[in-house]
N, C-alpha and C. Protein backbone atom coordinates (compact mmCIF):
# COMPACT_ATOMS: atom_id res chain seq x y z
N UNK A 1 21.98 72.86 137.89
CA UNK A 1 22.47 74.22 137.85
C UNK A 1 22.50 74.83 139.25
N UNK A 2 21.46 74.56 140.06
CA UNK A 2 21.42 75.11 141.42
C UNK A 2 22.59 74.59 142.24
N UNK A 3 22.95 73.33 142.05
CA UNK A 3 24.07 72.75 142.80
C UNK A 3 25.37 73.46 142.43
N UNK A 4 25.54 73.75 141.15
CA UNK A 4 26.74 74.44 140.70
C UNK A 4 26.78 75.87 141.26
N UNK A 5 25.64 76.56 141.28
CA UNK A 5 25.57 77.92 141.86
C UNK A 5 25.88 77.87 143.35
N UNK A 6 25.36 76.86 144.05
CA UNK A 6 25.63 76.71 145.48
C UNK A 6 27.13 76.48 145.72
N UNK A 7 27.74 75.62 144.92
CA UNK A 7 29.17 75.35 145.04
C UNK A 7 29.98 76.62 144.76
N UNK A 8 29.57 77.37 143.74
CA UNK A 8 30.25 78.62 143.41
C UNK A 8 30.16 79.59 144.60
N UNK A 9 28.99 79.70 145.20
CA UNK A 9 28.80 80.61 146.34
C UNK A 9 29.63 80.16 147.55
N UNK A 10 29.70 78.88 147.79
CA UNK A 10 30.53 78.35 148.90
C UNK A 10 32.00 78.65 148.66
N UNK A 11 32.46 78.46 147.43
CA UNK A 11 33.85 78.77 147.10
C UNK A 11 34.13 80.26 147.25
N UNK A 12 33.21 81.08 146.83
CA UNK A 12 33.36 82.53 146.95
C UNK A 12 33.49 82.93 148.41
N UNK A 13 32.65 82.39 149.27
CA UNK A 13 32.71 82.69 150.71
C UNK A 13 34.04 82.24 151.31
N UNK A 14 34.49 81.06 150.90
CA UNK A 14 35.76 80.55 151.42
C UNK A 14 36.92 81.45 150.99
N UNK A 15 36.92 81.88 149.76
CA UNK A 15 37.98 82.76 149.26
C UNK A 15 37.94 84.10 149.98
N UNK A 16 36.76 84.65 150.20
CA UNK A 16 36.64 85.93 150.90
C UNK A 16 37.10 85.85 152.35
N UNK A 17 37.05 84.66 152.94
CA UNK A 17 37.46 84.52 154.34
C UNK A 17 38.97 84.35 154.49
N UNK A 18 39.68 84.10 153.39
CA UNK A 18 41.13 83.91 153.48
C UNK A 18 41.83 85.24 153.76
N UNK A 19 42.91 85.14 154.53
CA UNK A 19 43.72 86.30 154.85
C UNK A 19 45.19 85.92 154.71
N UNK A 20 46.04 86.91 154.58
CA UNK A 20 47.46 86.62 154.45
C UNK A 20 48.05 86.05 155.74
N UNK A 21 47.32 86.14 156.84
CA UNK A 21 47.76 85.49 158.08
C UNK A 21 47.50 83.99 158.04
N UNK A 22 46.78 83.51 157.04
CA UNK A 22 46.55 82.08 156.87
C UNK A 22 47.71 81.51 156.06
N UNK A 23 48.37 80.51 156.62
CA UNK A 23 49.61 79.99 156.05
C UNK A 23 49.48 79.56 154.59
N UNK A 24 48.47 78.79 154.27
CA UNK A 24 48.31 78.30 152.89
C UNK A 24 48.10 79.44 151.91
N UNK A 25 47.27 80.41 152.30
CA UNK A 25 46.99 81.55 151.43
C UNK A 25 48.25 82.42 151.28
N UNK A 26 48.97 82.63 152.40
CA UNK A 26 50.22 83.39 152.35
C UNK A 26 51.20 82.74 151.38
N UNK A 27 51.35 81.42 151.48
CA UNK A 27 52.25 80.71 150.58
C UNK A 27 51.85 80.89 149.12
N UNK A 28 50.55 80.77 148.85
CA UNK A 28 50.06 80.91 147.48
C UNK A 28 50.30 82.32 146.94
N UNK A 29 50.14 83.32 147.79
CA UNK A 29 50.29 84.71 147.34
C UNK A 29 51.74 85.13 147.15
N UNK A 30 52.63 84.64 148.00
CA UNK A 30 54.00 85.15 147.99
C UNK A 30 55.02 84.22 147.31
N UNK A 31 54.66 83.00 147.01
CA UNK A 31 55.62 82.06 146.40
C UNK A 31 56.16 82.63 145.09
N UNK A 32 57.45 82.83 145.03
CA UNK A 32 58.14 83.35 143.84
C UNK A 32 57.61 84.70 143.35
N UNK A 33 56.91 85.43 144.23
CA UNK A 33 56.29 86.69 143.85
C UNK A 33 57.18 87.85 144.32
N UNK A 34 58.19 88.13 143.53
CA UNK A 34 59.19 89.14 143.88
C UNK A 34 58.55 90.50 144.12
N UNK A 35 57.66 90.93 143.26
CA UNK A 35 57.07 92.26 143.37
C UNK A 35 56.30 92.44 144.67
N UNK A 36 55.50 91.45 145.05
CA UNK A 36 54.71 91.56 146.29
C UNK A 36 55.60 91.57 147.52
N UNK A 37 56.58 90.67 147.57
CA UNK A 37 57.47 90.62 148.72
C UNK A 37 58.28 91.91 148.80
N UNK A 38 58.74 92.40 147.67
CA UNK A 38 59.48 93.66 147.66
C UNK A 38 58.63 94.79 148.22
N UNK A 39 57.37 94.86 147.82
CA UNK A 39 56.47 95.90 148.32
C UNK A 39 56.32 95.81 149.83
N UNK A 40 56.08 94.60 150.34
CA UNK A 40 55.91 94.40 151.78
C UNK A 40 57.16 94.83 152.53
N UNK A 41 58.32 94.36 152.10
CA UNK A 41 59.57 94.66 152.81
C UNK A 41 59.90 96.15 152.71
N UNK A 42 59.69 96.75 151.56
CA UNK A 42 59.96 98.18 151.42
C UNK A 42 59.08 99.01 152.35
N UNK A 43 57.81 98.66 152.44
CA UNK A 43 56.91 99.40 153.33
C UNK A 43 57.36 99.23 154.78
N UNK A 44 57.66 98.02 155.18
CA UNK A 44 58.07 97.77 156.57
C UNK A 44 59.36 98.50 156.90
N UNK A 45 60.34 98.46 156.02
CA UNK A 45 61.62 99.11 156.29
C UNK A 45 61.58 100.62 156.03
N UNK A 46 60.56 101.08 155.31
CA UNK A 46 60.50 102.50 154.96
C UNK A 46 61.63 102.90 154.02
N UNK A 47 61.98 101.96 153.14
CA UNK A 47 63.09 102.17 152.20
C UNK A 47 62.67 101.71 150.81
N UNK A 48 63.20 102.34 149.81
CA UNK A 48 62.99 101.85 148.44
C UNK A 48 64.30 101.82 147.66
N UNK A 49 65.41 101.67 148.39
CA UNK A 49 66.73 101.71 147.78
C UNK A 49 67.28 100.33 147.43
N UNK A 50 66.41 99.35 147.29
CA UNK A 50 66.87 98.00 146.95
C UNK A 50 65.82 97.30 146.10
N UNK A 51 66.28 96.28 145.39
CA UNK A 51 65.40 95.42 144.60
C UNK A 51 65.46 94.02 145.21
N UNK A 52 64.33 93.41 145.41
CA UNK A 52 64.33 92.00 145.79
C UNK A 52 64.59 91.20 144.52
N UNK A 53 65.55 90.28 144.59
CA UNK A 53 65.92 89.52 143.39
C UNK A 53 65.57 88.04 143.48
N UNK A 54 65.21 87.58 144.68
CA UNK A 54 64.89 86.17 144.85
C UNK A 54 63.92 86.01 146.01
N UNK A 55 62.90 85.17 145.82
CA UNK A 55 61.90 84.92 146.86
C UNK A 55 61.53 83.45 146.84
N UNK A 56 61.52 82.86 148.01
CA UNK A 56 61.03 81.49 148.18
C UNK A 56 60.17 81.44 149.44
N UNK A 57 59.14 80.64 149.40
CA UNK A 57 58.34 80.42 150.61
C UNK A 57 58.64 79.03 151.15
N UNK A 58 58.45 78.91 152.45
CA UNK A 58 58.67 77.64 153.17
C UNK A 58 60.04 77.04 152.85
N UNK A 59 61.07 77.83 153.11
CA UNK A 59 62.45 77.40 152.91
C UNK A 59 62.95 76.73 154.19
N UNK A 60 63.49 75.54 154.04
CA UNK A 60 64.04 74.80 155.19
C UNK A 60 65.51 75.15 155.36
N UNK A 61 65.88 75.57 156.56
CA UNK A 61 67.28 75.74 156.92
C UNK A 61 67.63 74.63 157.90
N UNK A 62 68.51 73.75 157.47
CA UNK A 62 68.91 72.59 158.28
C UNK A 62 69.96 73.00 159.30
N UNK A 63 69.90 72.37 160.46
CA UNK A 63 70.89 72.57 161.50
C UNK A 63 71.38 71.19 161.92
N UNK A 64 72.58 70.84 161.53
CA UNK A 64 73.11 69.51 161.85
C UNK A 64 73.37 69.34 163.34
N UNK A 65 73.45 70.43 164.07
CA UNK A 65 73.71 70.37 165.52
C UNK A 65 72.44 70.49 166.36
N UNK A 66 71.33 70.88 165.75
CA UNK A 66 70.13 71.14 166.56
C UNK A 66 68.89 71.27 165.71
N UNK A 67 68.07 72.20 166.07
CA UNK A 67 66.74 72.36 165.50
C UNK A 67 66.78 73.05 164.13
N UNK A 68 66.09 72.46 163.16
CA UNK A 68 65.91 73.07 161.84
C UNK A 68 64.83 74.15 161.96
N UNK A 69 64.77 75.03 160.96
CA UNK A 69 63.68 76.01 160.90
C UNK A 69 63.14 76.10 159.48
N UNK A 70 61.89 76.48 159.38
CA UNK A 70 61.24 76.78 158.11
C UNK A 70 61.02 78.28 158.06
N UNK A 71 61.48 78.92 156.99
CA UNK A 71 61.25 80.34 156.81
C UNK A 71 59.97 80.51 156.00
N UNK A 72 59.03 81.31 156.51
CA UNK A 72 57.79 81.55 155.76
C UNK A 72 58.13 82.16 154.40
N UNK A 73 58.87 83.26 154.42
CA UNK A 73 59.30 83.92 153.19
C UNK A 73 60.79 84.22 153.33
N UNK A 74 61.57 83.73 152.40
CA UNK A 74 63.01 83.99 152.39
C UNK A 74 63.31 84.77 151.12
N UNK A 75 63.86 85.96 151.30
CA UNK A 75 64.13 86.82 150.14
C UNK A 75 65.55 87.36 150.22
N UNK A 76 66.04 87.77 149.06
CA UNK A 76 67.37 88.36 148.96
C UNK A 76 67.28 89.61 148.11
N UNK A 77 68.04 90.64 148.50
CA UNK A 77 68.04 91.89 147.73
C UNK A 77 69.24 91.93 146.79
N UNK A 78 69.20 92.89 145.89
CA UNK A 78 70.29 93.06 144.93
C UNK A 78 71.60 93.47 145.61
N UNK A 79 71.53 93.99 146.83
CA UNK A 79 72.74 94.37 147.55
C UNK A 79 73.19 93.27 148.52
N UNK A 80 72.51 92.11 148.47
CA UNK A 80 72.91 90.96 149.27
C UNK A 80 72.19 90.81 150.59
N UNK A 81 71.38 91.77 150.97
CA UNK A 81 70.63 91.64 152.23
C UNK A 81 69.73 90.42 152.17
N UNK A 82 69.60 89.75 153.29
CA UNK A 82 68.75 88.56 153.39
C UNK A 82 67.57 88.88 154.31
N UNK A 83 66.39 88.41 153.92
CA UNK A 83 65.16 88.68 154.66
C UNK A 83 64.46 87.37 155.00
N UNK A 84 64.06 87.25 156.23
CA UNK A 84 63.19 86.17 156.68
C UNK A 84 61.93 86.85 157.19
N UNK A 85 60.82 86.69 156.48
CA UNK A 85 59.56 87.29 156.88
C UNK A 85 58.67 86.18 157.44
N UNK A 86 58.37 86.29 158.71
CA UNK A 86 57.52 85.31 159.40
C UNK A 86 56.16 85.94 159.64
N UNK A 87 55.12 85.29 159.17
CA UNK A 87 53.76 85.79 159.34
C UNK A 87 53.08 84.94 160.40
N UNK A 88 52.72 85.58 161.51
CA UNK A 88 52.25 84.85 162.68
C UNK A 88 50.85 85.25 163.08
N UNK A 89 49.96 84.29 162.99
CA UNK A 89 48.59 84.49 163.47
C UNK A 89 48.54 84.27 164.97
N UNK A 90 49.29 83.28 165.44
CA UNK A 90 49.32 82.90 166.85
C UNK A 90 50.46 83.64 167.55
N UNK A 91 50.16 84.36 168.62
CA UNK A 91 51.18 85.13 169.34
C UNK A 91 52.34 84.26 169.81
N UNK A 92 52.07 83.01 170.16
CA UNK A 92 53.14 82.12 170.65
C UNK A 92 54.21 81.88 169.58
N UNK A 93 53.86 82.03 168.32
CA UNK A 93 54.83 81.82 167.24
C UNK A 93 55.79 82.99 167.07
N UNK A 94 55.57 84.08 167.80
CA UNK A 94 56.40 85.27 167.65
C UNK A 94 57.31 85.47 168.87
N UNK A 95 57.69 84.40 169.49
CA UNK A 95 58.56 84.42 170.67
C UNK A 95 59.86 85.16 170.34
N UNK A 96 60.33 85.99 171.27
CA UNK A 96 61.54 86.79 171.04
C UNK A 96 62.76 85.91 170.82
N UNK A 97 62.86 84.82 171.54
CA UNK A 97 64.01 83.94 171.35
C UNK A 97 63.92 83.19 170.03
N UNK A 98 62.71 83.01 169.51
CA UNK A 98 62.57 82.43 168.17
C UNK A 98 63.15 83.39 167.13
N UNK A 99 62.89 84.67 167.30
CA UNK A 99 63.47 85.67 166.39
C UNK A 99 64.99 85.62 166.44
N UNK A 100 65.53 85.53 167.63
CA UNK A 100 66.99 85.42 167.78
C UNK A 100 67.52 84.18 167.08
N UNK A 101 66.82 83.04 167.25
CA UNK A 101 67.26 81.79 166.64
C UNK A 101 67.21 81.88 165.12
N UNK A 102 66.13 82.46 164.59
CA UNK A 102 66.02 82.63 163.14
C UNK A 102 67.17 83.49 162.63
N UNK A 103 67.50 84.55 163.35
CA UNK A 103 68.60 85.42 162.96
C UNK A 103 69.91 84.64 162.93
N UNK A 104 70.14 83.83 163.95
CA UNK A 104 71.40 83.07 164.00
C UNK A 104 71.45 82.02 162.89
N UNK A 105 70.32 81.41 162.58
CA UNK A 105 70.29 80.40 161.51
C UNK A 105 70.53 81.04 160.14
N UNK A 106 69.97 82.21 159.91
CA UNK A 106 70.26 82.91 158.66
C UNK A 106 71.77 83.14 158.54
N UNK A 107 72.35 83.68 159.60
CA UNK A 107 73.80 83.94 159.59
C UNK A 107 74.59 82.66 159.32
N UNK A 108 74.22 81.58 159.99
CA UNK A 108 74.97 80.33 159.88
C UNK A 108 74.97 79.77 158.46
N UNK A 109 73.98 80.13 157.66
CA UNK A 109 73.87 79.60 156.31
C UNK A 109 74.40 80.55 155.22
N UNK A 110 74.97 81.68 155.63
CA UNK A 110 75.37 82.68 154.65
C UNK A 110 76.86 82.69 154.31
N UNK A 111 77.67 82.08 155.13
CA UNK A 111 79.11 82.04 154.84
C UNK A 111 79.55 80.61 154.60
N UNK A 112 80.49 80.48 153.70
CA UNK A 112 81.12 79.18 153.46
C UNK A 112 82.38 79.08 154.31
N UNK A 113 82.89 77.87 154.53
CA UNK A 113 84.12 77.75 155.31
C UNK A 113 85.21 78.66 154.74
N UNK A 114 85.93 79.31 155.62
CA UNK A 114 87.04 80.21 155.31
C UNK A 114 86.61 81.56 154.74
N UNK A 115 85.30 81.79 154.53
CA UNK A 115 84.85 83.12 154.10
C UNK A 115 85.17 84.13 155.19
N UNK A 116 85.52 85.33 154.78
CA UNK A 116 85.77 86.43 155.70
C UNK A 116 84.44 86.84 156.34
N UNK A 117 84.44 87.08 157.64
CA UNK A 117 83.22 87.46 158.34
C UNK A 117 82.66 88.80 157.83
N UNK A 118 83.50 89.62 157.25
CA UNK A 118 83.01 90.88 156.69
C UNK A 118 82.12 90.68 155.48
N UNK A 119 82.11 89.48 154.92
CA UNK A 119 81.21 89.17 153.80
C UNK A 119 79.79 88.87 154.26
N UNK A 120 79.60 88.74 155.57
CA UNK A 120 78.27 88.45 156.11
C UNK A 120 77.36 89.64 155.82
N UNK A 121 76.27 89.42 155.07
CA UNK A 121 75.39 90.54 154.72
C UNK A 121 74.48 90.92 155.88
N UNK A 122 73.86 92.07 155.77
CA UNK A 122 72.83 92.44 156.73
C UNK A 122 71.68 91.46 156.60
N UNK A 123 71.09 91.10 157.73
CA UNK A 123 69.94 90.21 157.74
C UNK A 123 68.79 90.87 158.49
N UNK A 124 67.60 90.57 158.02
CA UNK A 124 66.38 91.09 158.62
C UNK A 124 65.46 89.92 158.92
N UNK A 125 65.10 89.77 160.18
CA UNK A 125 64.07 88.83 160.58
C UNK A 125 62.86 89.69 160.93
N UNK A 126 61.80 89.53 160.15
CA UNK A 126 60.62 90.37 160.29
C UNK A 126 59.44 89.49 160.69
N UNK A 127 58.89 89.75 161.85
CA UNK A 127 57.70 89.06 162.31
C UNK A 127 56.51 89.98 162.10
N UNK A 128 55.59 89.57 161.22
CA UNK A 128 54.33 90.28 161.05
C UNK A 128 53.31 89.50 161.87
N UNK A 129 52.85 90.11 162.94
CA UNK A 129 51.98 89.41 163.88
C UNK A 129 50.57 89.98 163.82
N UNK A 130 49.60 89.12 164.01
CA UNK A 130 48.21 89.56 163.95
C UNK A 130 47.89 90.52 165.09
N UNK A 131 48.56 90.32 166.22
CA UNK A 131 48.32 91.16 167.40
C UNK A 131 49.60 91.91 167.78
N UNK A 132 49.46 92.82 168.70
CA UNK A 132 50.60 93.59 169.20
C UNK A 132 51.31 92.76 170.27
N UNK A 133 52.21 91.87 169.84
CA UNK A 133 52.85 90.93 170.78
C UNK A 133 53.82 91.62 171.74
N UNK A 134 54.31 92.79 171.38
CA UNK A 134 55.20 93.51 172.30
C UNK A 134 54.39 94.33 173.30
N UNK A 135 53.23 94.79 172.89
CA UNK A 135 52.28 95.37 173.83
C UNK A 135 52.43 96.84 174.17
N UNK A 136 53.09 97.61 173.33
CA UNK A 136 53.23 99.05 173.61
C UNK A 136 52.43 99.90 172.63
N UNK A 137 51.50 99.27 171.92
CA UNK A 137 50.59 99.96 171.01
C UNK A 137 51.32 100.77 169.94
N UNK A 138 52.39 100.21 169.41
CA UNK A 138 53.13 100.83 168.33
C UNK A 138 52.88 100.04 167.05
N UNK A 139 52.95 100.67 165.91
CA UNK A 139 52.73 99.93 164.66
C UNK A 139 53.90 99.01 164.31
N UNK A 140 55.12 99.40 164.74
CA UNK A 140 56.30 98.64 164.38
C UNK A 140 57.34 98.78 165.49
N UNK A 141 58.08 97.71 165.70
CA UNK A 141 59.14 97.70 166.69
C UNK A 141 60.42 97.24 166.00
N UNK A 142 61.46 98.07 166.06
CA UNK A 142 62.74 97.73 165.46
C UNK A 142 63.71 97.40 166.58
N UNK A 143 64.23 96.19 166.54
CA UNK A 143 65.14 95.72 167.57
C UNK A 143 66.54 95.68 166.97
N UNK A 144 67.46 96.39 167.60
CA UNK A 144 68.85 96.44 167.16
C UNK A 144 69.73 96.18 168.37
N UNK A 145 70.88 95.58 168.15
CA UNK A 145 71.84 95.40 169.23
C UNK A 145 72.48 96.74 169.58
N UNK A 146 72.86 96.86 170.86
CA UNK A 146 73.44 98.10 171.34
C UNK A 146 74.63 97.81 172.24
N UNK A 147 75.65 98.65 172.16
CA UNK A 147 76.76 98.59 173.10
C UNK A 147 76.27 99.26 174.37
N UNK A 148 75.99 98.48 175.39
CA UNK A 148 75.43 98.99 176.63
C UNK A 148 76.40 99.96 177.31
N UNK A 149 77.69 99.70 177.22
CA UNK A 149 78.70 100.54 177.86
C UNK A 149 78.69 101.95 177.29
N UNK A 150 78.62 102.06 175.97
CA UNK A 150 78.68 103.38 175.34
C UNK A 150 77.30 103.95 175.02
N UNK A 151 76.29 103.07 175.01
CA UNK A 151 74.95 103.51 174.63
C UNK A 151 74.78 103.69 173.14
N UNK A 152 75.75 103.25 172.37
CA UNK A 152 75.71 103.42 170.91
C UNK A 152 75.29 102.12 170.23
N UNK A 153 74.72 102.24 169.03
CA UNK A 153 74.36 101.03 168.28
C UNK A 153 75.58 100.16 168.00
N UNK A 154 75.40 98.86 167.98
CA UNK A 154 76.48 97.92 167.74
C UNK A 154 76.77 97.75 166.25
N UNK A 155 75.76 97.90 165.41
CA UNK A 155 75.88 97.88 163.94
C UNK A 155 76.54 96.62 163.40
N UNK A 156 76.03 95.48 163.84
CA UNK A 156 76.57 94.21 163.34
C UNK A 156 75.81 93.69 162.14
N UNK A 157 74.80 94.42 161.69
CA UNK A 157 74.05 94.02 160.50
C UNK A 157 72.88 93.10 160.77
N UNK A 158 72.62 92.80 162.03
CA UNK A 158 71.50 91.94 162.41
C UNK A 158 70.32 92.82 162.81
N UNK A 159 69.17 92.60 162.18
CA UNK A 159 67.99 93.42 162.43
C UNK A 159 66.80 92.51 162.69
N UNK A 160 66.05 92.81 163.74
CA UNK A 160 64.80 92.10 164.03
C UNK A 160 63.70 93.14 164.11
N UNK A 161 62.62 92.86 163.43
CA UNK A 161 61.51 93.81 163.37
C UNK A 161 60.21 93.06 163.66
N UNK A 162 59.38 93.66 164.51
CA UNK A 162 58.05 93.15 164.77
C UNK A 162 57.04 94.16 164.24
N UNK A 163 56.12 93.68 163.41
CA UNK A 163 55.07 94.53 162.85
C UNK A 163 53.76 94.15 163.53
N UNK A 164 53.09 95.15 164.08
CA UNK A 164 51.83 94.98 164.78
C UNK A 164 50.70 94.94 163.75
N UNK A 165 50.20 93.75 163.45
CA UNK A 165 49.16 93.59 162.45
C UNK A 165 47.82 94.17 162.85
N UNK A 166 47.63 94.50 164.13
CA UNK A 166 46.36 95.11 164.54
C UNK A 166 46.34 96.61 164.25
N UNK A 167 47.47 97.18 163.83
CA UNK A 167 47.53 98.57 163.43
C UNK A 167 47.04 98.69 161.99
N UNK A 168 45.90 99.29 161.83
CA UNK A 168 45.33 99.43 160.48
C UNK A 168 45.05 100.91 160.17
N UNK A 169 45.96 101.76 160.60
CA UNK A 169 45.86 103.21 160.39
C UNK A 169 45.91 103.51 158.90
N UNK A 170 44.80 103.92 158.33
CA UNK A 170 44.72 104.13 156.88
C UNK A 170 45.52 105.34 156.41
N UNK A 171 46.04 106.13 157.34
CA UNK A 171 46.83 107.29 156.93
C UNK A 171 48.30 106.95 156.69
N UNK A 172 48.69 105.69 156.96
CA UNK A 172 50.08 105.28 156.72
C UNK A 172 50.13 104.09 155.78
N UNK A 173 51.22 103.98 155.06
CA UNK A 173 51.40 102.83 154.15
C UNK A 173 51.43 101.53 154.95
N UNK A 174 52.08 101.54 156.12
CA UNK A 174 52.14 100.33 156.95
C UNK A 174 50.75 99.94 157.45
N UNK A 175 49.97 100.89 157.89
CA UNK A 175 48.60 100.61 158.35
C UNK A 175 47.73 100.05 157.22
N UNK A 176 47.87 100.61 156.03
CA UNK A 176 47.11 100.09 154.89
C UNK A 176 47.55 98.66 154.54
N UNK A 177 48.86 98.43 154.63
CA UNK A 177 49.37 97.07 154.37
C UNK A 177 48.79 96.08 155.38
N UNK A 178 48.76 96.46 156.65
CA UNK A 178 48.21 95.56 157.66
C UNK A 178 46.71 95.35 157.47
N UNK A 179 46.03 96.36 156.99
CA UNK A 179 44.61 96.20 156.66
C UNK A 179 44.44 95.13 155.58
N UNK A 180 45.34 95.15 154.60
CA UNK A 180 45.27 94.18 153.50
C UNK A 180 45.60 92.76 153.98
N UNK A 181 46.40 92.64 155.03
CA UNK A 181 46.69 91.31 155.57
C UNK A 181 45.44 90.72 156.16
């Protein structure tokens, strides 16, 4: 009986030490879990005007010309928006050019030959990082393309967002979410 109690206590400690920044635990929590992914994305975007209709974890996007990628969480909304949520414990995994590449790979897999480019849905590449990888002490960073000549947004439907996981401000929904991570 003591051995079983000891094993139970060891398992309890191991479970308590798990965090959503741990890849295996993240996969277990979010795999096919539409409600949880919807909650996370809605909080990050500050929107509740969409329903997530499909969620997969560890989705492989093949690139016949180059490097493949694995999406931590790949989701789709009822309005066709596509989401790639990358959860990064290691700052090196949140490289800005990696975000750009993920965005381009999402786009490359969304149209079939001869499809009109206007059918390309909005895409969101969201990096939830354990630390403030951008370094300006903000809870969230929204990266959008801009027409430098006019100073106006380009509005091509490509969105990259970095969430600072070290922000645990309990007065905001985003801070509470990061606390839970």
